């Protein structure tokens, strides 16, 4: 018979002072640990709060491109449209606005500029961008959750400022968000993460996609899935394919979002850009959904 020796390791007794020291250390480390957790995807319990916290850095108002309404008649509604540029574009490079501004002369058009950030698909070069993109082939790869949240905070703050401005005029106003490419992505995110008491009245997406799909359950809790959205997309878009657009549209209509007011329209021979047919459809859709009898006159 082979004898075996079993060694029992006893747990050392810790003094009260040592326990207090360990507890204090864990207390001090907790924010650091939570910050790491947040940076890789945000704690789900506080996901909704993340989008409306005060931004660490506000947008530079000196870089805004603003077009004031050409008519201020009391017969027209009070409306602000937030216009969001694409990757690397300045806010002044939004020619698609020209056609819409002519149709809706009572709208105040506000185009902010994103902060410069390193963009992976551009070799790490710095551009005005709302968020980083790791791959056009796989838009969900290493999503820049921090960038999405930071930009959403800045833009939600801008929208609050515009609402305050309209309230000071003594009239109830409406807010529209519209964007191209990265701006379209942010337009969708702003619409679906707005506070319940202050919904976005309409959103226009040109050549965008739906980000953060793994957080659909959390986004559904904002209860903004009835926001009307016009989504125009080129059939020949080489960066955000029309197949991705259709896939996203189907996911929006399914559980848990069940967003039935998102209209996707694709355009033959159109690449990653817009054309007058698309803008005409967007204008008619906007007029119909917001009930503006005077629009376009």
Protein backbone atom coordinates (compact mmCIF):
# COMPACT_ATOMS: atom_id res chain seq x y z
CA UNK A 1 0.00 0.00 0.00
CA UNK A 2 1.28 3.42 -0.92
CA UNK A 3 0.79 6.02 1.78
CA UNK A 4 -0.21 9.53 0.73
CA UNK A 5 0.29 12.67 2.68
CA UNK A 6 -2.43 15.27 2.34
CA UNK A 7 -1.47 18.79 3.25
CA UNK A 8 -4.31 20.99 4.41
CA UNK A 9 -3.77 24.68 3.80
CA UNK A 10 -5.45 26.81 6.40
CA UNK A 11 -6.83 30.27 5.59
CA UNK A 12 -4.80 32.89 7.40
CA UNK A 13 -6.72 35.09 9.77
CA UNK A 14 -6.69 38.75 8.81
CA UNK A 15 -6.64 41.53 11.33
CA UNK A 16 -9.39 44.12 11.40
CA UNK A 17 -6.95 46.74 10.14
CA UNK A 18 -6.01 44.59 7.14
CA UNK A 19 -9.66 44.00 6.25
CA UNK A 20 -10.36 47.73 6.39
CA UNK A 21 -7.37 48.39 4.10
CA UNK A 22 -8.56 45.79 1.56
CA UNK A 23 -12.09 47.23 1.61
CA UNK A 24 -10.81 50.75 1.04
CA UNK A 25 -8.66 49.57 -1.87
CA UNK A 26 -11.61 47.88 -3.56
CA UNK A 27 -13.71 51.01 -3.08
CA UNK A 28 -11.05 53.16 -4.75
CA UNK A 29 -10.60 50.69 -7.62
CA UNK A 30 -14.33 50.33 -8.34
CA UNK A 31 -14.65 53.45 -10.58
CA UNK A 32 -11.58 52.37 -12.53
CA UNK A 33 -13.02 48.89 -13.12
CA UNK A 34 -16.38 50.32 -14.15
CA UNK A 35 -14.67 52.73 -16.52
CA UNK A 36 -12.91 49.82 -18.24
CA UNK A 37 -16.22 47.98 -18.48
CA UNK A 38 -17.86 51.06 -19.95
CA UNK A 39 -15.16 51.52 -22.57
CA UNK A 40 -15.72 48.03 -23.96
CA UNK A 41 -19.44 48.28 -24.25
CA UNK A 42 -21.03 50.27 -21.41
CA UNK A 43 -22.70 48.53 -18.46
CA UNK A 44 -26.14 47.50 -19.64
CA UNK A 45 -27.80 48.80 -16.47
CA UNK A 46 -26.66 52.37 -17.22
CA UNK A 47 -26.76 52.15 -21.01
CA UNK A 48 -29.64 54.61 -21.35
CA UNK A 49 -27.99 57.09 -19.02
CA UNK A 50 -24.77 57.08 -21.06
CA UNK A 51 -26.34 58.91 -24.00
CA UNK A 52 -27.64 61.85 -22.00
CA UNK A 53 -24.81 62.48 -19.58
CA UNK A 54 -23.05 65.83 -19.84
CA UNK A 55 -20.42 65.62 -22.60
CA UNK A 56 -16.82 65.96 -21.47
CA UNK A 57 -16.14 68.19 -24.47
CA UNK A 58 -18.76 70.22 -26.32
CA UNK A 59 -18.88 70.85 -30.05
CA UNK A 60 -17.13 73.99 -31.32
CA UNK A 61 -19.91 76.41 -32.23
CA UNK A 62 -17.52 78.55 -34.27
CA UNK A 63 -17.37 75.69 -36.78
CA UNK A 64 -21.15 75.37 -37.16
CA UNK A 65 -22.76 76.14 -40.51
CA UNK A 66 -26.17 77.70 -39.83
CA UNK A 67 -28.81 78.73 -42.34
CA UNK A 68 -31.57 80.80 -40.79
CA UNK A 69 -35.13 80.50 -42.14
CA UNK A 70 -35.98 82.86 -44.95
CA UNK A 71 -39.50 83.29 -43.59
CA UNK A 72 -40.59 83.70 -39.97
CA UNK A 73 -44.34 83.91 -40.47
CA UNK A 74 -46.48 82.74 -37.55
CA UNK A 75 -48.33 80.65 -40.14
CA UNK A 76 -45.28 78.41 -40.50
CA UNK A 77 -44.12 75.86 -37.93
CA UNK A 78 -41.01 76.48 -35.84
CA UNK A 79 -38.47 73.84 -36.84
CA UNK A 80 -34.77 73.13 -36.41
CA UNK A 81 -33.02 70.56 -38.58
CA UNK A 82 -29.71 69.17 -37.29
CA UNK A 83 -27.54 68.24 -40.29
CA UNK A 84 -24.74 65.73 -39.79
CA UNK A 85 -21.82 65.39 -42.17
CA UNK A 86 -20.03 62.26 -43.33
CA UNK A 87 -16.50 61.06 -42.58
CA UNK A 88 -13.97 63.84 -43.17
CA UNK A 89 -16.51 66.31 -44.53
CA UNK A 90 -16.81 69.88 -43.22
CA UNK A 91 -20.35 70.95 -42.28
CA UNK A 92 -20.38 73.39 -45.20
CA UNK A 93 -20.06 70.47 -47.63
CA UNK A 94 -23.73 69.45 -47.42
CA UNK A 95 -25.11 70.33 -50.85
CA UNK A 96 -28.08 68.03 -50.33
CA UNK A 97 -29.41 70.69 -47.96
CA UNK A 98 -29.78 73.26 -50.74
CA UNK A 99 -32.72 71.52 -52.34
CA UNK A 100 -34.45 70.92 -49.03
CA UNK A 101 -33.91 74.49 -47.82
CA UNK A 102 -35.67 75.80 -50.92
CA UNK A 103 -38.67 73.59 -50.21
CA UNK A 104 -38.84 74.37 -46.49
CA UNK A 105 -37.90 78.05 -46.08
CA UNK A 106 -39.17 78.14 -42.48
CA UNK A 107 -36.60 75.62 -41.17
CA UNK A 108 -33.47 76.64 -39.29
CA UNK A 109 -30.63 74.42 -40.55
CA UNK A 110 -27.81 73.75 -38.07
CA UNK A 111 -24.76 71.75 -39.21
CA UNK A 112 -22.18 71.04 -36.47
CA UNK A 113 -18.70 69.66 -37.07
CA UNK A 114 -17.41 66.54 -35.34
CA UNK A 115 -14.09 66.63 -33.51
CA UNK A 116 -11.05 65.23 -35.30
CA UNK A 117 -10.26 61.64 -34.41
CA UNK A 118 -8.02 58.85 -35.69
CA UNK A 119 -9.88 56.76 -38.28
CA UNK A 120 -8.73 53.17 -38.71
CA UNK A 121 -10.03 52.69 -42.29
CA UNK A 122 -8.07 55.78 -43.29
CA UNK A 123 -4.79 54.39 -42.00
CA UNK A 124 -5.11 56.09 -38.62
CA UNK A 125 -5.15 59.60 -40.08
CA UNK A 126 -7.13 62.25 -38.23
CA UNK A 127 -10.41 63.52 -39.72
CA UNK A 128 -13.62 65.14 -38.54
CA UNK A 129 -15.52 61.98 -37.62
CA UNK A 130 -18.39 61.10 -35.32
CA UNK A 131 -16.84 57.69 -34.57
CA UNK A 132 -14.05 55.40 -35.70
CA UNK A 133 -14.60 52.70 -38.33
CA UNK A 134 -12.42 49.59 -38.30
CA UNK A 135 -13.62 47.98 -41.52
CA UNK A 136 -16.05 48.72 -44.34
CA UNK A 137 -16.25 44.99 -45.06
CA UNK A 138 -17.49 44.34 -41.50
CA UNK A 139 -19.05 47.46 -40.03
CA UNK A 140 -19.72 45.68 -36.72
CA UNK A 141 -16.04 44.88 -36.18
CA UNK A 142 -14.59 46.57 -33.08
CA UNK A 143 -17.36 49.16 -33.00
CA UNK A 144 -16.27 52.42 -31.44
CA UNK A 145 -18.84 52.40 -28.63
CA UNK A 146 -17.04 55.22 -26.84
CA UNK A 147 -17.10 57.37 -29.98
CA UNK A 148 -20.81 56.72 -30.54
CA UNK A 149 -21.67 57.64 -26.96
CA UNK A 150 -19.44 60.73 -26.86
CA UNK A 151 -20.83 62.11 -30.12
CA UNK A 152 -24.41 61.30 -29.12
CA UNK A 153 -23.94 63.21 -25.85
CA UNK A 154 -22.64 66.24 -27.74
CA UNK A 155 -25.46 66.16 -30.26
CA UNK A 156 -28.19 65.56 -27.70
CA UNK A 157 -26.82 68.61 -25.84
CA UNK A 158 -27.04 70.63 -29.07
CA UNK A 159 -30.64 69.51 -29.54
CA UNK A 160 -31.47 70.57 -25.97
CA UNK A 161 -30.01 74.01 -26.73
CA UNK A 162 -32.18 74.30 -29.83
CA UNK A 163 -35.28 73.30 -27.88
CA UNK A 164 -34.47 75.94 -25.25
CA UNK A 165 -34.08 78.55 -28.00
CA UNK A 166 -37.50 77.69 -29.44
CA UNK A 167 -39.13 77.74 -26.01
CA UNK A 168 -37.78 81.25 -25.44
CA UNK A 169 -39.59 82.28 -28.63
CA UNK A 170 -42.80 81.21 -26.95
CA UNK A 171 -43.70 78.53 -29.46
CA UNK A 172 -43.59 74.77 -29.48
CA UNK A 173 -41.03 73.62 -32.02
CA UNK A 174 -40.04 70.48 -33.83
CA UNK A 175 -36.61 68.91 -34.28
CA UNK A 176 -35.46 66.94 -37.32
CA UNK A 177 -32.14 65.11 -37.66
CA UNK A 178 -30.67 64.37 -41.08
CA UNK A 179 -27.31 63.10 -42.20
CA UNK A 180 -25.18 61.46 -44.86
CA UNK A 181 -22.97 58.38 -44.29
CA UNK A 182 -21.58 58.67 -40.73
CA UNK A 183 -24.04 61.50 -40.21
CA UNK A 184 -26.90 59.20 -41.24
CA UNK A 185 -25.76 56.65 -38.67
CA UNK A 186 -25.76 59.33 -35.97
CA UNK A 187 -29.16 60.63 -37.11
CA UNK A 188 -30.64 57.18 -36.51
CA UNK A 189 -28.89 56.85 -33.15
CA UNK A 190 -30.12 60.25 -31.96
CA UNK A 191 -33.69 59.50 -33.01
CA UNK A 192 -33.79 56.13 -31.27
CA UNK A 193 -32.04 57.27 -28.06
CA UNK A 194 -34.00 60.50 -27.49
CA UNK A 195 -35.72 61.00 -24.15
CA UNK A 196 -39.36 59.94 -24.08
CA UNK A 197 -40.63 63.43 -23.28
CA UNK A 198 -38.55 64.99 -26.07
CA UNK A 199 -38.72 62.73 -29.13
CA UNK A 200 -37.15 63.54 -32.47
CA UNK A 201 -39.96 64.40 -34.88
CA UNK A 202 -38.36 62.88 -37.98
CA UNK A 203 -35.03 61.50 -39.19
CA UNK A 204 -33.51 61.35 -42.67
CA UNK A 205 -30.72 58.87 -43.39
CA UNK A 206 -28.77 58.99 -46.63
CA UNK A 207 -26.35 56.10 -47.21
CA UNK A 208 -26.15 54.97 -43.59
CA UNK A 209 -26.48 51.84 -41.49
CA UNK A 210 -27.70 50.76 -38.05
CA UNK A 211 -24.89 50.66 -35.44
CA UNK A 212 -24.65 48.94 -32.05
CA UNK A 213 -27.02 46.15 -33.08
CA UNK A 214 -25.95 44.03 -30.11
CA UNK A 215 -27.55 46.67 -27.90
CA UNK A 216 -30.97 46.56 -29.59
CA UNK A 217 -32.69 45.43 -26.40
CA UNK A 218 -31.30 48.40 -24.52
CA UNK A 219 -32.09 50.85 -27.33
CA UNK A 220 -35.67 49.54 -27.44
CA UNK A 221 -36.09 50.70 -23.83
CA UNK A 222 -35.89 54.33 -24.96
CA UNK A 223 -39.32 53.68 -26.51
CA UNK A 224 -38.60 55.84 -29.55
CA UNK A 225 -39.16 53.13 -32.16
CA UNK A 226 -42.19 54.95 -33.61
CA UNK A 227 -40.04 57.84 -34.86
CA UNK A 228 -40.58 58.21 -38.63
CA UNK A 229 -37.36 57.61 -40.59
CA UNK A 230 -36.65 58.06 -44.30
CA UNK A 231 -33.70 55.95 -45.42
CA UNK A 232 -32.34 56.50 -48.90
CA UNK A 233 -29.58 54.22 -50.17
CA UNK A 234 -27.69 53.62 -53.41
CA UNK A 235 -27.86 50.14 -54.91
CA UNK A 236 -24.20 50.46 -55.96
CA UNK A 237 -22.84 51.81 -52.66
CA UNK A 238 -19.33 50.26 -52.35
CA UNK A 239 -18.84 51.17 -48.67
CA UNK A 240 -22.19 50.45 -47.04
CA UNK A 241 -23.79 47.91 -49.34
CA UNK A 242 -27.48 47.88 -50.17
CA UNK A 243 -27.56 44.32 -48.79
CA UNK A 244 -26.41 45.66 -45.42
CA UNK A 245 -29.07 48.37 -45.61
CA UNK A 246 -31.81 45.82 -46.27
CA UNK A 247 -30.50 43.56 -43.50
CA UNK A 248 -30.58 46.47 -41.05
CA UNK A 249 -34.05 47.51 -42.17
CA UNK A 250 -35.37 43.99 -41.51
CA UNK A 251 -33.71 43.96 -38.08
CA UNK A 252 -35.37 47.28 -37.22
CA UNK A 253 -38.81 45.89 -38.02
CA UNK A 254 -38.19 42.77 -35.92
CA UNK A 255 -38.16 42.24 -32.16
CA UNK A 256 -37.02 43.92 -29.95
CA UNK A 257 -37.21 47.26 -31.82
CA UNK A 258 -40.29 46.68 -34.00
CA UNK A 259 -39.72 50.01 -35.73
CA UNK A 260 -42.48 50.04 -38.34
CA UNK A 261 -42.10 53.67 -39.44
CA UNK A 262 -38.71 53.27 -41.11
CA UNK A 263 -39.01 53.54 -44.88
CA UNK A 264 -36.06 52.23 -46.89
CA UNK A 265 -35.86 53.22 -50.53
CA UNK A 266 -32.96 52.19 -52.76
CA UNK A 267 -31.82 53.93 -55.95
CA UNK A 268 -30.50 52.18 -59.03
CA UNK A 269 -26.98 53.14 -60.17
CA UNK A 270 -26.46 55.38 -57.13
CA UNK A 271 -23.21 54.86 -55.23
CA UNK A 272 -22.18 56.40 -51.88
CA UNK A 273 -23.82 59.72 -52.58
CA UNK A 274 -27.27 61.23 -53.20
CA UNK A 275 -29.19 62.47 -56.23
CA UNK A 276 -32.19 64.71 -56.94
CA UNK A 277 -34.62 61.76 -57.09
CA UNK A 278 -33.64 60.73 -53.56
CA UNK A 279 -33.89 64.28 -52.23
CA UNK A 280 -37.26 64.77 -53.88
CA UNK A 281 -38.53 61.61 -52.20
CA UNK A 282 -37.12 62.75 -48.85
CA UNK A 283 -38.83 66.16 -49.15
CA UNK A 284 -42.21 64.63 -50.02
CA UNK A 285 -41.85 62.11 -47.19
CA UNK A 286 -41.00 64.89 -44.73
CA UNK A 287 -43.96 66.99 -45.78
CA UNK A 288 -46.35 64.03 -45.54
CA UNK A 289 -45.11 62.74 -42.16
CA UNK A 290 -45.12 66.11 -40.43
CA UNK A 291 -48.32 67.38 -42.04
CA UNK A 292 -46.90 70.62 -43.40
CA UNK A 293 -49.53 71.96 -45.77
CA UNK A 294 -47.41 75.04 -46.46
CA UNK A 295 -44.17 73.16 -47.14
CA UNK A 296 -42.72 73.63 -50.56
CA UNK A 297 -44.83 76.69 -51.43
